[in-house]
C-alpha atoms as a PDB file:
ATOM      1  CA  MET A   1    -110.912 -66.344  -7.089  1.00  0.00           C
ATOM      2  CA  ASN A   2    -107.760 -67.919  -6.806  1.00  0.00           C
ATOM      3  CA  PHE A   3    -104.485 -67.472  -8.926  1.00  0.00           C
ATOM      4  CA  GLU A   4    -105.060 -70.882 -10.864  1.00  0.00           C
ATOM      5  CA  ASN A   5    -108.735 -69.919 -11.509  1.00  0.00           C
ATOM      6  CA  ALA A   6    -107.632 -66.664 -12.892  1.00  0.00           C
ATOM      7  CA  LEU A   7    -104.875 -68.148 -15.101  1.00  0.00           C
ATOM      8  CA  GLU A   8    -107.267 -70.885 -16.488  1.00  0.00           C
ATOM      9  CA  ILE A   9    -109.568 -67.921 -17.467  1.00  0.00           C
ATOM     10  CA  ILE A  10    -106.928 -66.088 -19.128  1.00  0.00           C
ATOM     11  CA  ILE A  11    -105.528 -68.980 -21.289  1.00  0.00           C
ATOM     12  CA  SER A  12    -108.978 -70.132 -22.234  1.00  0.00           C
ATOM     13  CA  GLU A  13    -109.656 -66.470 -23.666  1.00  0.00           C
ATOM     14  CA  ILE A  14    -106.336 -66.305 -25.490  1.00  0.00           C
ATOM     15  CA  ARG A  15    -107.276 -69.866 -27.180  1.00  0.00           C
ATOM     16  CA  GLN A  16    -110.822 -68.554 -28.108  1.00  0.00           C
ATOM     17  CA  MET A  17    -109.453 -65.307 -29.527  1.00  0.00           C
ATOM     18  CA  SER A  18    -106.991 -67.252 -31.613  1.00  0.00           C
ATOM     19  CA  ARG A  19    -109.521 -69.632 -32.926  1.00  0.00           C
ATOM     20  CA  ALA A  20    -111.672 -66.767 -33.633  1.00  0.00           C
ATOM     21  CA  GLY A  21    -109.005 -64.909 -35.585  1.00  0.00           C
ATOM     22  CA  PHE A  22    -108.665 -61.970 -33.194  1.00  0.00           C
ATOM     23  CA  ALA A  23    -105.144 -63.109 -31.999  1.00  0.00           C
ATOM     24  CA  PRO A  24    -102.555 -65.175 -33.890  1.00  0.00           C
ATOM     25  CA  PRO A  25    -103.724 -68.534 -35.082  1.00  0.00           C
ATOM     26  CA  ASN A  26    -100.653 -70.330 -33.552  1.00  0.00           C
ATOM     27  CA  LEU A  27    -101.745 -69.466 -30.024  1.00  0.00           C
ATOM     28  CA  ALA A  28    -104.545 -71.927 -30.192  1.00  0.00           C
ATOM     29  CA  GLY A  29    -102.162 -74.825 -29.879  1.00  0.00           C
ATOM     30  CA  LYS A  30     -99.150 -72.994 -28.154  1.00  0.00           C
ATOM     31  CA  GLN A  31     -98.043 -74.161 -24.617  1.00  0.00           C
ATOM     32  CA  LEU A  32     -99.208 -71.225 -22.226  1.00  0.00           C
ATOM     33  CA  SER A  33     -98.243 -70.899 -18.599  1.00  0.00           C
ATOM     34  CA  ALA A  34     -97.929 -68.310 -15.930  1.00  0.00           C
ATOM     35  CA  GLU A  35     -94.341 -67.452 -17.065  1.00  0.00           C
ATOM     36  CA  THR A  36     -95.532 -66.919 -20.633  1.00  0.00           C
ATOM     37  CA  ALA A  37     -94.524 -63.062 -21.522  1.00  0.00           C
ATOM     38  CA  LEU A  38     -97.375 -60.999 -22.986  1.00  0.00           C
ATOM     39  CA  ALA A  39     -95.056 -59.955 -25.676  1.00  0.00           C
ATOM     40  CA  GLU A  40     -94.774 -63.572 -26.745  1.00  0.00           C
ATOM     41  CA  LEU A  41     -98.522 -63.548 -27.641  1.00  0.00           C
ATOM     42  CA  ASN A  42     -97.898 -60.835 -30.383  1.00  0.00           C
ATOM     43  CA  LEU A  43    -100.981 -59.265 -29.540  1.00  0.00           C
ATOM     44  CA  ASP A  44    -101.680 -55.560 -31.065  1.00  0.00           C
ATOM     45  CA  SER A  45    -102.955 -53.022 -28.710  1.00  0.00           C
ATOM     46  CA  LEU A  46    -106.593 -54.002 -29.692  1.00  0.00           C
ATOM     47  CA  GLY A  47    -105.896 -57.645 -29.112  1.00  0.00           C
ATOM     48  CA  ARG A  48    -104.438 -56.708 -25.709  1.00  0.00           C
ATOM     49  CA  LEU A  49    -107.279 -54.728 -24.873  1.00  0.00           C
ATOM     50  CA  SER A  50    -109.814 -57.582 -25.999  1.00  0.00           C
ATOM     51  CA  LEU A  51    -108.062 -60.186 -24.083  1.00  0.00           C
ATOM     52  CA  LEU A  52    -108.245 -57.803 -20.874  1.00  0.00           C
ATOM     53  CA  THR A  53    -111.944 -57.046 -21.356  1.00  0.00           C
ATOM     54  CA  ALA A  54    -112.796 -60.536 -21.961  1.00  0.00           C
ATOM     55  CA  VAL A  55    -110.977 -61.647 -18.772  1.00  0.00           C
ATOM     56  CA  GLU A  56    -112.687 -58.907 -16.969  1.00  0.00           C
ATOM     57  CA  ASP A  57    -115.884 -59.987 -17.986  1.00  0.00           C
ATOM     58  CA  ARG A  58    -115.475 -63.893 -17.441  1.00  0.00           C
ATOM     59  CA  ALA A  59    -113.739 -63.148 -13.793  1.00  0.00           C
ATOM     60  CA  ASP A  60    -116.116 -60.356 -12.807  1.00  0.00           C
ATOM     61  CA  ALA A  61    -112.949 -58.301 -11.876  1.00  0.00           C
ATOM     62  CA  MET A  62    -112.492 -54.476 -12.462  1.00  0.00           C
ATOM     63  CA  LEU A  63    -108.863 -53.705 -13.381  1.00  0.00           C
ATOM     64  CA  SER A  64    -107.455 -50.146 -13.073  1.00  0.00           C
ATOM     65  CA  GLU A  65    -105.050 -48.670 -15.619  1.00  0.00           C
ATOM     66  CA  GLY A  66    -102.599 -48.526 -12.783  1.00  0.00           C
ATOM     67  CA  ASP A  67    -102.923 -52.203 -12.352  1.00  0.00           C
ATOM     68  CA  LEU A  68    -102.062 -52.887 -16.044  1.00  0.00           C
ATOM     69  CA  GLN A  69     -98.920 -50.909 -15.939  1.00  0.00           C
ATOM     70  CA  ASN A  70     -96.676 -53.671 -14.814  1.00  0.00           C
ATOM     71  CA  ILE A  71     -97.942 -56.689 -16.359  1.00  0.00           C
ATOM     72  CA  LYS A  72     -95.395 -58.419 -18.099  1.00  0.00           C
ATOM     73  CA  THR A  73     -96.359 -62.307 -17.930  1.00  0.00           C
ATOM     74  CA  LEU A  74     -99.668 -64.174 -17.844  1.00  0.00           C
ATOM     75  CA  GLY A  75     -99.075 -64.749 -14.172  1.00  0.00           C
ATOM     76  CA  ASP A  76     -98.896 -61.056 -13.528  1.00  0.00           C
ATOM     77  CA  LEU A  77    -102.216 -60.594 -15.310  1.00  0.00           C
ATOM     78  CA  ALA A  78    -103.559 -63.838 -13.198  1.00  0.00           C
ATOM     79  CA  ARG A  79    -102.442 -62.269  -9.836  1.00  0.00           C
ATOM     80  CA  ILE A  80    -104.089 -58.959 -10.634  1.00  0.00           C
ATOM     81  CA  VAL A  81    -107.287 -60.504 -11.706  1.00  0.00           C
ATOM     82  CA  ALA A  82    -107.389 -62.938  -8.589  1.00  0.00           C
ATOM     83  CA  GLU A  83    -106.819 -59.915  -6.488  1.00  0.00           C
ATOM     84  CA  ASN A  84    -109.809 -57.981  -8.010  1.00  0.00           C
ATOM     85  CA  ALA A  85    -112.284 -60.766  -8.587  1.00  0.00           C
ATOM     86  CA  PRO A  86    -115.054 -61.059  -5.864  1.00  0.00           C
ATOM     87  CA  VAL A  87    -114.364 -63.761  -3.445  1.00  0.00           C
ATOM     88  CA  THR A  88    -116.680 -67.012  -4.020  1.00  0.00           C
ATOM     89  CA  VAL A  89    -117.979 -68.955  -1.236  1.00  0.00           C
END
């Protein structure tokens, strides 16, 4: 999986969570990019865990606790997901 695909999955999951009421409602229409800070999403710890779990499932990636320590932006998350997802041919 490449960075762009991983970022697309992450943004899609954030929008779904927002529409379903599991994330702040303003996120459904907010402009999101690789530079968007996770702190800007105003996710509580459960929301953040839900996002990471959904992304892992959709990308078929396994993220370790150590991987997650340095995630500050959606781009950071996308890079880690891309590195840990299986390569598709």
